Structures are given as C-alpha cells and as structure tokens.
Protein backbone atom coordinates (compact mmCIF):
# COMPACT_ATOMS: atom_id res chain seq x y z
CA MET A 1 -0.01 0.01 0.01
CA PRO A 2 1.50 3.39 -0.99
CA ARG A 3 2.32 5.75 1.74
CA LEU A 4 0.28 8.99 1.80
CA GLY A 5 2.02 12.14 1.93
CA LEU A 6 1.06 15.07 4.32
CA ALA A 7 -0.30 16.96 1.24
CA ASN A 8 -3.15 14.41 1.06
CA VAL A 9 -4.09 14.66 4.87
CA PRO A 10 -6.83 17.25 5.62
CA THR A 11 -5.76 20.29 7.65
CA GLY A 12 -8.33 19.67 10.43
CA VAL A 13 -6.77 16.15 11.14
CA LEU A 14 -3.29 17.65 11.18
CA LYS A 15 -4.42 20.20 13.72
CA LYS A 16 -6.12 17.63 15.98
CA GLU A 17 -2.97 15.48 15.99
CA PHE A 18 -0.66 18.46 16.70
CA GLN A 19 -3.08 19.42 19.66
CA ARG A 20 -3.02 15.79 21.02
CA ARG A 21 0.85 15.75 21.06
CA LEU A 22 1.04 19.19 22.62
CA GLU A 23 -1.24 17.96 25.55
CA ALA A 24 0.91 14.85 26.01
CA LEU A 25 4.18 17.00 26.29
CA PRO A 26 4.03 17.98 29.98
CA LYS A 27 3.72 14.32 30.95
CA LEU A 28 6.58 13.23 28.68
CA ILE A 29 8.77 16.07 30.15
CA ALA A 30 8.01 15.02 33.73
CA GLN A 31 8.94 11.36 32.77
CA ARG A 32 12.22 12.58 31.22
CA ASP A 33 13.14 14.55 34.31
CA GLU A 34 12.45 11.70 36.65
CA LEU A 35 14.53 9.42 34.64
CA ASN A 36 17.46 11.95 34.51
CA ARG A 37 17.17 12.25 38.32
CA GLN A 38 17.48 8.51 38.53
CA ILE A 39 20.50 8.29 36.27
CA ALA A 40 22.28 11.10 38.21
CA GLU A 41 21.65 9.20 41.58
CA LEU A 42 23.18 6.06 39.99
CA GLU A 43 26.21 7.96 38.55
CA ALA A 44 26.97 9.94 41.83
CA PRO A 45 30.03 9.03 43.77
CA GLY A 46 29.22 6.24 46.34
CA ALA A 47 26.12 5.16 44.36
CA ALA A 48 27.84 1.85 43.71
CA GLU A 49 27.39 1.03 47.41
CA LYS A 50 23.79 1.89 47.42
CA ALA A 51 22.80 0.50 44.03
CA PRO A 52 20.84 -2.77 44.28
CA GLU A 53 22.70 -5.86 43.15
CA PRO A 54 21.64 -7.37 39.88
CA ALA A 55 19.14 -10.09 40.07
CA SER A 56 20.73 -13.51 40.01
CA ALA A 57 19.45 -16.21 37.85
CA PRO A 58 16.55 -18.16 39.53
CA ALA A 59 17.48 -21.45 41.11
CA PRO A 60 16.43 -24.36 38.96
CA ARG A 61 13.11 -25.89 39.83
CA LYS A 62 12.92 -29.31 41.18
CA ARG A 63 10.79 -31.44 38.98
CA GLY A 64 8.03 -33.33 41.00
CA ARG A 65 8.42 -34.95 44.43
CA PRO A 66 9.91 -38.34 44.98
CA ALA A 67 7.15 -40.95 45.07
CA LYS A 68 5.99 -41.92 48.60
CA PRO A 69 4.37 -45.31 49.24
CA ALA A 70 0.73 -45.15 49.90
CA LYS A 71 -0.68 -45.45 53.38
CA SER A 72 -1.00 -49.23 52.83
CA GLY A 73 2.84 -49.33 52.48
CA VAL A 74 2.78 -50.45 48.79
CA SER A 75 3.78 -48.22 46.09
CA LEU A 76 1.58 -47.85 42.94
CA ALA A 77 4.12 -49.51 40.67
CA ASP A 78 4.43 -52.45 43.09
CA ALA A 79 0.64 -52.81 43.23
CA LEU A 80 0.47 -52.51 39.48
CA ALA A 81 3.03 -55.31 39.20
CA GLU A 82 1.14 -57.63 41.35
CA ILE A 83 -2.17 -57.13 39.62
CA ILE A 84 -0.77 -57.23 35.95
CA LYS A 85 1.40 -60.28 36.70
CA ALA A 86 -1.83 -62.19 37.54
CA LYS A 87 -3.14 -61.43 33.89
CA ASP A 88 -0.93 -61.57 30.93
CA SER A 89 -1.70 -57.94 30.14
CA MET A 90 -3.88 -54.99 30.97
CA SER A 91 -4.94 -51.76 29.44
CA VAL A 92 -4.28 -48.60 31.68
CA ALA A 93 -7.93 -48.13 32.45
CA GLU A 94 -8.21 -51.82 33.55
CA ALA A 95 -5.11 -51.66 35.67
CA ALA A 96 -6.49 -48.41 37.46
CA GLU A 97 -9.75 -50.04 38.15
CA ALA A 98 -8.10 -53.16 39.41
CA VAL A 99 -5.64 -51.37 41.67
CA LEU A 100 -8.48 -49.47 43.22
CA ALA A 101 -10.63 -52.52 43.80
CA SER A 102 -7.66 -54.32 45.41
CA GLY A 103 -7.83 -51.60 48.21
CA PHE A 104 -5.05 -49.28 46.99
CA LYS A 105 -5.96 -45.79 48.49
CA SER A 106 -5.28 -42.68 46.53
CA LYS A 107 -6.50 -39.06 46.78
CA ALA A 108 -5.33 -38.31 43.16
CA GLU A 109 -7.82 -36.38 41.05
CA HIS A 110 -6.56 -38.11 37.87
CA PHE A 111 -5.52 -41.45 39.07
CA ARG A 112 -5.56 -43.00 35.64
CA THR A 113 -2.94 -40.69 34.52
CA MET A 114 -0.71 -41.64 37.45
CA VAL A 115 -1.30 -45.30 36.52
CA SER A 116 -0.27 -44.52 32.94
CA MET A 117 2.94 -42.70 34.12
CA ALA A 118 3.82 -45.48 36.51
CA LEU A 119 3.48 -48.07 33.78
CA SER A 120 5.45 -46.13 31.14
CA ASN A 121 8.28 -45.12 33.51
CA ASP A 122 8.94 -48.24 35.49
CA LYS A 123 11.35 -50.62 34.00
CA ARG A 124 9.38 -53.68 35.19
CA PHE A 125 6.68 -53.15 32.64
CA GLU A 126 6.61 -53.22 28.72
CA ARG A 127 4.12 -51.77 26.34
CA VAL A 128 2.52 -54.45 24.26
CA ALA A 129 0.15 -52.24 22.28
CA ARG A 130 -1.28 -48.77 22.65
CA GLY A 131 -2.25 -48.27 26.22
CA VAL A 132 -1.69 -51.89 27.02
CA TYR A 133 1.25 -53.13 29.24
CA ARG A 134 2.48 -56.44 30.79
CA VAL A 135 5.19 -57.26 33.39
CA LYS A 136 8.60 -58.14 31.69
CA GLY A 137 9.96 -61.57 32.02
C-alpha cells in the first residue's frame, strides 16, 4: 500500500494530531526529568554502594516430588506389578480399576494418568500395544 504524503491529509486532522501531541508533552517532560534524576543518583560517587545488586538467575526448579508409598505401604508400581502379573496384560484403564478394587488408596484427582505414568516409567513393565502393558520376564 503506498504511503500517503502530508499533502493528502486534511488540515483539520493535522491540527487535531498536533493538539494531541502538545497535550501529552508535559507528561513526557516529567517522565524525562524523573529518569534523568535516577540516572544522576546512579552515577553519583558512592552510588555503587547503594545500588541494588543485579538479580541472580533463579534457582532451577525441582521436577516433581519423590514418590511416597501409599498409606498401605505399597507403592503404585508395586501394586500394578502384582495385579498385571496375575493377568498376561492389561490396559491402563483396567489396571487403574483393578488397583483401586484391590484396596489401594489414592486421593489423586487423575488416578488413571498416574497409573499410565507409572506403567510407562517403570522398567518392570513393557508396552504391548497402545495403552496395554505387561510385566517383563
């Protein structure tokens, strides 16, 4: 799109824009003066002692918590290994239902997701098909 020259802009529009910028000028001058004052404070002798230290890099976040055994004393992976060993293989949904039916207590909102993660991360299990796992060996 070609850029319009000022010759094509109506005079009334130019006057309004000029007035708007003149009204903003005192605020901009005040901002400039405040920034100049801050710069002078930082450059003053002895300002290095007063200057805040630069922010250090944030500490790396720890990922997750170590798994604690359930109140029954059996971890989720151990309970899954027992149940899946009885059958040849199980889907994630079947395994989650069977673990809960066996008396495993969990307050997890998304228990099935926890079961899926336990099955995929534990070396005792191998994936047979999509969403289906069995105990190795």
